Amino acid sequence: MRVIETEEAARRLARAIASDLSLYNEEKIVEGLQNDSLFEILAEEIEEGRELFRSRVTHDLFGKNFYDRAIIDLLVRSKGHIKCKLW
């Protein structure tokens, strides 16, 4: 598989991985947000996604935090309707 070398493609990959995490872990996300433990509950899944992202992009692109931003956008910000301590 080819290594991704453009920011646009890296962003798309990061969002796709985060989207899959959101889709397959909805109950854990809700629980984590409500209990202020999201990153502890999903630590293994988030790290697995990070490693996948790291393996598919250049070192420079990995350092631009596209994956972390996608995690925040899709696992936290998109769940604004869930009652939690964050908001």
PDB file of N, CA and C in Angstrom:
ATOM      1  N   MET A   1       0.829  -1.167   0.000  1.00  0.00           N
ATOM      2  CA  MET A   1       0.000   0.000   0.000  1.00  0.00           C
ATOM      3  C   MET A   1       0.883   1.243   0.000  1.00  0.00           C
ATOM      4  N   ARG A   2       0.510   2.228  -0.792  1.00  0.00           N
ATOM      5  CA  ARG A   2       1.304   3.449  -0.903  1.00  0.00           C
ATOM      6  C   ARG A   2       1.176   4.338   0.321  1.00  0.00           C
ATOM      7  N   VAL A   3       2.241   5.030   0.645  1.00  0.00           N
ATOM      8  CA  VAL A   3       2.235   5.988   1.749  1.00  0.00           C
ATOM      9  C   VAL A   3       1.602   7.288   1.253  1.00  0.00           C
ATOM     10  N   ILE A   4       0.719   7.836   2.068  1.00  0.00           N
ATOM     11  CA  ILE A   4       0.032   9.083   1.722  1.00  0.00           C
ATOM     12  C   ILE A   4       1.000  10.241   1.912  1.00  0.00           C
ATOM     13  N   GLU A   5       1.029  11.126   0.907  1.00  0.00           N
ATOM     14  CA  GLU A   5       1.984  12.225   0.927  1.00  0.00           C
ATOM     15  C   GLU A   5       1.341  13.599   0.865  1.00  0.00           C
ATOM     16  N   THR A   6       0.012  13.688   0.794  1.00  0.00           N
ATOM     17  CA  THR A   6      -0.641  14.995   0.720  1.00  0.00           C
ATOM     18  C   THR A   6      -1.488  15.231   1.976  1.00  0.00           C
ATOM     19  N   GLU A   7      -1.573  16.491   2.369  1.00  0.00           N
ATOM     20  CA  GLU A   7      -2.358  16.834   3.558  1.00  0.00           C
ATOM     21  C   GLU A   7      -3.825  16.478   3.384  1.00  0.00           C
ATOM     22  N   GLU A   8      -4.363  16.732   2.228  1.00  0.00           N
ATOM     23  CA  GLU A   8      -5.774  16.434   1.982  1.00  0.00           C
ATOM     24  C   GLU A   8      -6.073  14.942   2.164  1.00  0.00           C
ATOM     25  N   ALA A   9      -5.246  14.109   1.594  1.00  0.00           N
ATOM     26  CA  ALA A   9      -5.444  12.662   1.725  1.00  0.00           C
ATOM     27  C   ALA A   9      -5.240  12.211   3.175  1.00  0.00           C
ATOM     28  N   ALA A  10      -4.281  12.814   3.868  1.00  0.00           N
ATOM     29  CA  ALA A  10      -4.040  12.465   5.270  1.00  0.00           C
ATOM     30  C   ALA A  10      -5.244  12.852   6.127  1.00  0.00           C
ATOM     31  N   ARG A  11      -5.818  14.021   5.872  1.00  0.00           N
ATOM     32  CA  ARG A  11      -7.023  14.436   6.601  1.00  0.00           C
ATOM     33  C   ARG A  11      -8.175  13.469   6.355  1.00  0.00           C
ATOM     34  N   ARG A  12      -8.354  13.085   5.112  1.00  0.00           N
ATOM     35  CA  ARG A  12      -9.438  12.141   4.773  1.00  0.00           C
ATOM     36  C   ARG A  12      -9.246  10.814   5.492  1.00  0.00           C
ATOM     37  N   LEU A  13      -8.029  10.314   5.495  1.00  0.00           N
ATOM     38  CA  LEU A  13      -7.752   9.049   6.177  1.00  0.00           C
ATOM     39  C   LEU A  13      -8.007   9.179   7.680  1.00  0.00           C
ATOM     40  N   ALA A  14      -7.531  10.245   8.278  1.00  0.00           N
ATOM     41  CA  ALA A  14      -7.733  10.458   9.711  1.00  0.00           C
ATOM     42  C   ALA A  14      -9.223  10.499  10.046  1.00  0.00           C
ATOM     43  N   ARG A  15     -10.003  11.202   9.243  1.00  0.00           N
ATOM     44  CA  ARG A  15     -11.443  11.298   9.488  1.00  0.00           C
ATOM     45  C   ARG A  15     -12.133   9.957   9.252  1.00  0.00           C
ATOM     46  N   ALA A  16     -11.673   9.195   8.296  1.00  0.00           N
ATOM     47  CA  ALA A  16     -12.269   7.880   8.042  1.00  0.00           C
ATOM     48  C   ALA A  16     -12.022   6.946   9.224  1.00  0.00           C
ATOM     49  N   ILE A  17     -10.813   6.964   9.757  1.00  0.00           N
ATOM     50  CA  ILE A  17     -10.493   6.117  10.909  1.00  0.00           C
ATOM     51  C   ILE A  17     -11.317   6.556  12.115  1.00  0.00           C
ATOM     52  N   ALA A  18     -11.368   7.856  12.372  1.00  0.00           N
ATOM     53  CA  ALA A  18     -12.145   8.367  13.507  1.00  0.00           C
ATOM     54  C   ALA A  18     -13.634   8.082  13.326  1.00  0.00           C
ATOM     55  N   SER A  19     -14.106   8.173  12.108  1.00  0.00           N
ATOM     56  CA  SER A  19     -15.512   7.878  11.819  1.00  0.00           C
ATOM     57  C   SER A  19     -15.829   6.417  12.128  1.00  0.00           C
ATOM     58  N   ASP A  20     -14.941   5.524  11.759  1.00  0.00           N
ATOM     59  CA  ASP A  20     -15.132   4.100  12.081  1.00  0.00           C
ATOM     60  C   ASP A  20     -15.149   3.883  13.594  1.00  0.00           C
ATOM     61  N   LEU A  21     -14.260   4.564  14.303  1.00  0.00           N
ATOM     62  CA  LEU A  21     -14.257   4.451  15.764  1.00  0.00           C
ATOM     63  C   LEU A  21     -15.598   4.910  16.336  1.00  0.00           C
ATOM     64  N   SER A  22     -16.101   6.000  15.811  1.00  0.00           N
ATOM     65  CA  SER A  22     -17.382   6.526  16.275  1.00  0.00           C
ATOM     66  C   SER A  22     -18.517   5.564  15.964  1.00  0.00           C
ATOM     67  N   LEU A  23     -18.515   5.033  14.784  1.00  0.00           N
ATOM     68  CA  LEU A  23     -19.580   4.130  14.345  1.00  0.00           C
ATOM     69  C   LEU A  23     -19.626   2.847  15.174  1.00  0.00           C
ATOM     70  N   TYR A  24     -18.488   2.263  15.425  1.00  0.00           N
ATOM     71  CA  TYR A  24     -18.436   0.962  16.085  1.00  0.00           C
ATOM     72  C   TYR A  24     -18.341   1.025  17.612  1.00  0.00           C
ATOM     73  N   ASN A  25     -18.238   2.240  18.167  1.00  0.00           N
ATOM     74  CA  ASN A  25     -18.072   2.374  19.613  1.00  0.00           C
ATOM     75  C   ASN A  25     -19.016   3.402  20.228  1.00  0.00           C
ATOM     76  N   GLU A  26     -20.185   3.553  19.657  1.00  0.00           N
ATOM     77  CA  GLU A  26     -21.134   4.587  20.104  1.00  0.00           C
ATOM     78  C   GLU A  26     -21.431   4.476  21.607  1.00  0.00           C
ATOM     79  N   GLU A  27     -21.705   3.290  22.093  1.00  0.00           N
ATOM     80  CA  GLU A  27     -22.034   3.125  23.513  1.00  0.00           C
ATOM     81  C   GLU A  27     -20.863   3.518  24.408  1.00  0.00           C
ATOM     82  N   LYS A  28     -19.663   3.132  24.028  1.00  0.00           N
ATOM     83  CA  LYS A  28     -18.483   3.500  24.817  1.00  0.00           C
ATOM     84  C   LYS A  28     -18.274   5.013  24.801  1.00  0.00           C
ATOM     85  N   ILE A  29     -18.525   5.640  23.671  1.00  0.00           N
ATOM     86  CA  ILE A  29     -18.348   7.085  23.557  1.00  0.00           C
ATOM     87  C   ILE A  29     -19.329   7.810  24.470  1.00  0.00           C
ATOM     88  N   VAL A  30     -20.587   7.406  24.426  1.00  0.00           N
ATOM     89  CA  VAL A  30     -21.597   8.021  25.290  1.00  0.00           C
ATOM     90  C   VAL A  30     -21.208   7.845  26.755  1.00  0.00           C
ATOM     91  N   GLU A  31     -20.854   6.635  27.122  1.00  0.00           N
ATOM     92  CA  GLU A  31     -20.439   6.365  28.505  1.00  0.00           C
ATOM     93  C   GLU A  31     -19.220   7.203  28.883  1.00  0.00           C
ATOM     94  N   GLY A  32     -18.239   7.256  27.996  1.00  0.00           N
ATOM     95  CA  GLY A  32     -17.025   8.013  28.276  1.00  0.00           C
ATOM     96  C   GLY A  32     -17.274   9.499  28.425  1.00  0.00           C
ATOM     97  N   LEU A  33     -18.137  10.053  27.599  1.00  0.00           N
ATOM     98  CA  LEU A  33     -18.460  11.469  27.722  1.00  0.00           C
ATOM     99  C   LEU A  33     -19.231  11.742  29.012  1.00  0.00           C
ATOM    100  N   GLN A  34     -20.193  10.911  29.307  1.00  0.00           N
ATOM    101  CA  GLN A  34     -21.001  11.119  30.507  1.00  0.00           C
ATOM    102  C   GLN A  34     -20.184  10.977  31.781  1.00  0.00           C
ATOM    103  N   ASN A  35     -19.193  10.116  31.767  1.00  0.00           N
ATOM    104  CA  ASN A  35     -18.369   9.874  32.955  1.00  0.00           C
ATOM    105  C   ASN A  35     -17.022  10.582  32.907  1.00  0.00           C
ATOM    106  N   ASP A  36     -16.827  11.437  31.901  1.00  0.00           N
ATOM    107  CA  ASP A  36     -15.566  12.150  31.733  1.00  0.00           C
ATOM    108  C   ASP A  36     -14.375  11.193  31.695  1.00  0.00           C
ATOM    109  N   SER A  37     -14.551  10.090  30.952  1.00  0.00           N
ATOM    110  CA  SER A  37     -13.489   9.082  30.856  1.00  0.00           C
ATOM    111  C   SER A  37     -13.336   8.566  29.420  1.00  0.00           C
ATOM    112  N   LEU A  38     -13.714   9.383  28.466  1.00  0.00           N
ATOM    113  CA  LEU A  38     -13.719   8.953  27.064  1.00  0.00           C
ATOM    114  C   LEU A  38     -12.377   8.382  26.621  1.00  0.00           C
ATOM    115  N   PHE A  39     -11.315   9.105  26.917  1.00  0.00           N
ATOM    116  CA  PHE A  39     -10.011   8.682  26.412  1.00  0.00           C
ATOM    117  C   PHE A  39      -9.465   7.460  27.147  1.00  0.00           C
ATOM    118  N   GLU A  40      -9.897   7.241  28.353  1.00  0.00           N
ATOM    119  CA  GLU A  40      -9.510   6.021  29.068  1.00  0.00           C
ATOM    120  C   GLU A  40     -10.279   4.822  28.516  1.00  0.00           C
ATOM    121  N   ILE A  41     -11.581   5.003  28.319  1.00  0.00           N
ATOM    122  CA  ILE A  41     -12.429   3.911  27.829  1.00  0.00           C
ATOM    123  C   ILE A  41     -12.026   3.475  26.420  1.00  0.00           C
ATOM    124  N   LEU A  42     -11.669   4.444  25.577  1.00  0.00           N
ATOM    125  CA  LEU A  42     -11.335   4.132  24.184  1.00  0.00           C
ATOM    126  C   LEU A  42      -9.831   4.129  23.901  1.00  0.00           C
ATOM    127  N   ALA A  43      -9.022   4.061  24.934  1.00  0.00           N
ATOM    128  CA  ALA A  43      -7.568   4.156  24.750  1.00  0.00           C
ATOM    129  C   ALA A  43      -7.043   3.140  23.743  1.00  0.00           C
ATOM    130  N   GLU A  44      -7.460   1.906  23.860  1.00  0.00           N
ATOM    131  CA  GLU A  44      -6.956   0.860  22.973  1.00  0.00           C
ATOM    132  C   GLU A  44      -7.388   1.105  21.528  1.00  0.00           C
ATOM    133  N   GLU A  45      -8.638   1.437  21.328  1.00  0.00           N
ATOM    134  CA  GLU A  45      -9.160   1.672  19.977  1.00  0.00           C
ATOM    135  C   GLU A  45      -8.520   2.900  19.340  1.00  0.00           C
ATOM    136  N   ILE A  46      -8.369   3.968  20.131  1.00  0.00           N
ATOM    137  CA  ILE A  46      -7.756   5.195  19.616  1.00  0.00           C
ATOM    138  C   ILE A  46      -6.305   4.935  19.236  1.00  0.00           C
ATOM    139  N   GLU A  47      -5.587   4.206  20.058  1.00  0.00           N
ATOM    140  CA  GLU A  47      -4.182   3.911  19.757  1.00  0.00           C
ATOM    141  C   GLU A  47      -4.046   3.006  18.530  1.00  0.00           C
ATOM    142  N   GLU A  48      -4.946   2.059  18.388  1.00  0.00           N
ATOM    143  CA  GLU A  48      -4.929   1.195  17.206  1.00  0.00           C
ATOM    144  C   GLU A  48      -5.148   2.029  15.940  1.00  0.00           C
ATOM    145  N   GLY A  49      -6.089   2.970  16.011  1.00  0.00           N
ATOM    146  CA  GLY A  49      -6.325   3.867  14.876  1.00  0.00           C
ATOM    147  C   GLY A  49      -5.124   4.748  14.592  1.00  0.00           C
ATOM    148  N   ARG A  50      -4.487   5.234  15.651  1.00  0.00           N
ATOM    149  CA  ARG A  50      -3.292   6.082  15.500  1.00  0.00           C
ATOM    150  C   ARG A  50      -2.175   5.319  14.787  1.00  0.00           C
ATOM    151  N   GLU A  51      -1.986   4.058  15.181  1.00  0.00           N
ATOM    152  CA  GLU A  51      -0.947   3.244  14.548  1.00  0.00           C
ATOM    153  C   GLU A  51      -1.261   2.978  13.071  1.00  0.00           C
ATOM    154  N   LEU A  52      -2.517   2.759  12.769  1.00  0.00           N
ATOM    155  CA  LEU A  52      -2.920   2.592  11.371  1.00  0.00           C
ATOM    156  C   LEU A  52      -2.620   3.867  10.594  1.00  0.00           C
ATOM    157  N   PHE A  53      -3.010   5.012  11.146  1.00  0.00           N
ATOM    158  CA  PHE A  53      -2.750   6.290  10.496  1.00  0.00           C
ATOM    159  C   PHE A  53      -1.249   6.500  10.299  1.00  0.00           C
ATOM    160  N   ARG A  54      -0.472   6.256  11.350  1.00  0.00           N
ATOM    161  CA  ARG A  54       0.990   6.423  11.277  1.00  0.00           C
ATOM    162  C   ARG A  54       1.594   5.554  10.168  1.00  0.00           C
ATOM    163  N   SER A  55       1.067   4.347  10.002  1.00  0.00           N
ATOM    164  CA  SER A  55       1.622   3.427   9.006  1.00  0.00           C
ATOM    165  C   SER A  55       1.287   3.829   7.574  1.00  0.00           C
ATOM    166  N   ARG A  56       0.303   4.705   7.421  1.00  0.00           N
ATOM    167  CA  ARG A  56      -0.165   5.047   6.075  1.00  0.00           C
ATOM    168  C   ARG A  56       0.252   6.421   5.579  1.00  0.00           C
ATOM    169  N   VAL A  57       0.829   7.258   6.471  1.00  0.00           N
ATOM    170  CA  VAL A  57       1.210   8.616   6.062  1.00  0.00           C
ATOM    171  C   VAL A  57       2.704   8.837   6.288  1.00  0.00           C
ATOM    172  N   THR A  58       3.237   9.884   5.653  1.00  0.00           N
ATOM    173  CA  THR A  58       4.644  10.225   5.866  1.00  0.00           C
ATOM    174  C   THR A  58       4.843  10.709   7.299  1.00  0.00           C
ATOM    175  N   HIS A  59       6.078  10.673   7.734  1.00  0.00           N
ATOM    176  CA  HIS A  59       6.415  11.123   9.085  1.00  0.00           C
ATOM    177  C   HIS A  59       6.004  12.584   9.292  1.00  0.00           C
ATOM    178  N   ASP A  60       6.243  13.425   8.309  1.00  0.00           N
ATOM    179  CA  ASP A  60       5.890  14.847   8.420  1.00  0.00           C
ATOM    180  C   ASP A  60       4.382  15.033   8.576  1.00  0.00           C
ATOM    181  N   LEU A  61       3.601  14.296   7.808  1.00  0.00           N
ATOM    182  CA  LEU A  61       2.153  14.418   7.912  1.00  0.00           C
ATOM    183  C   LEU A  61       1.640  13.888   9.243  1.00  0.00           C
ATOM    184  N   PHE A  62       2.246  12.836   9.740  1.00  0.00           N
ATOM    185  CA  PHE A  62       1.833  12.306  11.034  1.00  0.00           C
ATOM    186  C   PHE A  62       2.021  13.363  12.121  1.00  0.00           C
ATOM    187  N   GLY A  63       3.076  14.115  12.025  1.00  0.00           N
ATOM    188  CA  GLY A  63       3.384  15.149  13.016  1.00  0.00           C
ATOM    189  C   GLY A  63       2.448  16.342  12.996  1.00  0.00           C
ATOM    190  N   LYS A  64       1.569  16.419  12.022  1.00  0.00           N
ATOM    191  CA  LYS A  64       0.653  17.561  11.929  1.00  0.00           C
ATOM    192  C   LYS A  64      -0.658  17.338  12.686  1.00  0.00           C
ATOM    193  N   ASN A  65      -0.755  16.251  13.403  1.00  0.00           N
ATOM    194  CA  ASN A  65      -1.888  15.967  14.295  1.00  0.00           C
ATOM    195  C   ASN A  65      -3.249  15.868  13.609  1.00  0.00           C
ATOM    196  N   PHE A  66      -3.296  15.474  12.369  1.00  0.00           N
ATOM    197  CA  PHE A  66      -4.584  15.310  11.688  1.00  0.00           C
ATOM    198  C   PHE A  66      -5.440  14.253  12.392  1.00  0.00           C
ATOM    199  N   TYR A  67      -4.809  13.211  12.879  1.00  0.00           N
ATOM    200  CA  TYR A  67      -5.562  12.147  13.537  1.00  0.00           C
ATOM    201  C   TYR A  67      -6.192  12.648  14.838  1.00  0.00           C
ATOM    202  N   ASP A  68      -5.417  13.328  15.651  1.00  0.00           N
ATOM    203  CA  ASP A  68      -5.945  13.840  16.918  1.00  0.00           C
ATOM    204  C   ASP A  68      -7.092  14.818  16.682  1.00  0.00           C
ATOM    205  N   ARG A  69      -6.968  15.663  15.694  1.00  0.00           N
ATOM    206  CA  ARG A  69      -8.039  16.605  15.372  1.00  0.00           C
ATOM    207  C   ARG A  69      -9.301  15.872  14.936  1.00  0.00           C
ATOM    208  N   ALA A  70      -9.138  14.837  14.146  1.00  0.00           N
ATOM    209  CA  ALA A  70     -10.291  14.055  13.693  1.00  0.00           C
ATOM    210  C   ALA A  70     -10.967  13.365  14.876  1.00  0.00           C
ATOM    211  N   ILE A  71     -10.179  12.871  15.816  1.00  0.00           N
ATOM    212  CA  ILE A  71     -10.743  12.239  17.007  1.00  0.00           C
ATOM    213  C   ILE A  71     -11.600  13.249  17.773  1.00  0.00           C
ATOM    214  N   ILE A  72     -11.088  14.440  17.979  1.00  0.00           N
ATOM    215  CA  ILE A  72     -11.847  15.467  18.693  1.00  0.00           C
ATOM    216  C   ILE A  72     -13.110  15.838  17.923  1.00  0.00           C
ATOM    217  N   ASP A  73     -12.981  16.056  16.627  1.00  0.00           N
ATOM    218  CA  ASP A  73     -14.150  16.435  15.813  1.00  0.00           C
ATOM    219  C   ASP A  73     -15.230  15.366  15.816  1.00  0.00           C
ATOM    220  N   LEU A  74     -14.845  14.121  15.628  1.00  0.00           N
ATOM    221  CA  LEU A  74     -15.836  13.068  15.408  1.00  0.00           C
ATOM    222  C   LEU A  74     -16.245  12.304  16.667  1.00  0.00           C
ATOM    223  N   LEU A  75     -15.393  12.248  17.671  1.00  0.00           N
ATOM    224  CA  LEU A  75     -15.767  11.527  18.885  1.00  0.00           C
ATOM    225  C   LEU A  75     -16.239  12.456  19.993  1.00  0.00           C
ATOM    226  N   VAL A  76     -15.844  13.713  19.943  1.00  0.00           N
ATOM    227  CA  VAL A  76     -16.229  14.640  21.004  1.00  0.00           C
ATOM    228  C   VAL A  76     -17.200  15.698  20.484  1.00  0.00           C
ATOM    229  N   ARG A  77     -16.742  16.526  19.584  1.00  0.00           N
ATOM    230  CA  ARG A  77     -17.553  17.657  19.140  1.00  0.00           C
ATOM    231  C   ARG A  77     -18.867  17.232  18.495  1.00  0.00           C
ATOM    232  N   SER A  78     -18.867  16.156  17.739  1.00  0.00           N
ATOM    233  CA  SER A  78     -20.096  15.714  17.072  1.00  0.00           C
ATOM    234  C   SER A  78     -21.115  15.133  18.051  1.00  0.00           C
ATOM    235  N   LYS A  79     -20.692  14.916  19.281  1.00  0.00           N
ATOM    236  CA  LYS A  79     -21.592  14.357  20.301  1.00  0.00           C
ATOM    237  C   LYS A  79     -22.074  15.432  21.253  1.00  0.00           C
ATOM    238  N   GLY A  80     -22.160  16.658  20.797  1.00  0.00           N
ATOM    239  CA  GLY A  80     -22.575  17.789  21.627  1.00  0.00           C
ATOM    240  C   GLY A  80     -23.964  17.639  22.218  1.00  0.00           C
ATOM    241  N   HIS A  81     -24.762  16.778  21.677  1.00  0.00           N
ATOM    242  CA  HIS A  81     -26.116  16.555  22.182  1.00  0.00           C
ATOM    243  C   HIS A  81     -26.155  15.671  23.436  1.00  0.00           C
ATOM    244  N   ILE A  82     -25.045  15.053  23.760  1.00  0.00           N
ATOM    245  CA  ILE A  82     -24.978  14.164  24.927  1.00  0.00           C
ATOM    246  C   ILE A  82     -24.672  15.005  26.166  1.00  0.00           C
ATOM    247  N   LYS A  83     -25.463  14.829  27.209  1.00  0.00           N
ATOM    248  CA  LYS A  83     -25.253  15.570  28.431  1.00  0.00           C
ATOM    249  C   LYS A  83     -23.973  15.077  29.113  1.00  0.00           C
ATOM    250  N   CYS A  84     -23.047  16.010  29.323  1.00  0.00           N
ATOM    251  CA  CYS A  84     -21.796  15.652  29.980  1.00  0.00           C
ATOM    252  C   CYS A  84     -21.176  16.877  30.633  1.00  0.00           C
ATOM    253  N   LYS A  85     -20.113  16.678  31.375  1.00  0.00           N
ATOM    254  CA  LYS A  85     -19.435  17.756  32.106  1.00  0.00           C
ATOM    255  C   LYS A  85     -18.703  18.738  31.186  1.00  0.00           C
ATOM    256  N   LEU A  86     -18.420  18.324  29.979  1.00  0.00           N
ATOM    257  CA  LEU A  86     -17.662  19.186  29.064  1.00  0.00           C
ATOM    258  C   LEU A  86     -18.444  20.416  28.633  1.00  0.00           C
ATOM    259  N   TRP A  87     -19.766  20.289  28.575  1.00  0.00           N
ATOM    260  CA  TRP A  87     -20.598  21.419  28.149  1.00  0.00           C
ATOM    261  C   TRP A  87     -21.855  21.522  28.929  1.00  0.00           C
TER     262      TRP A  87
END
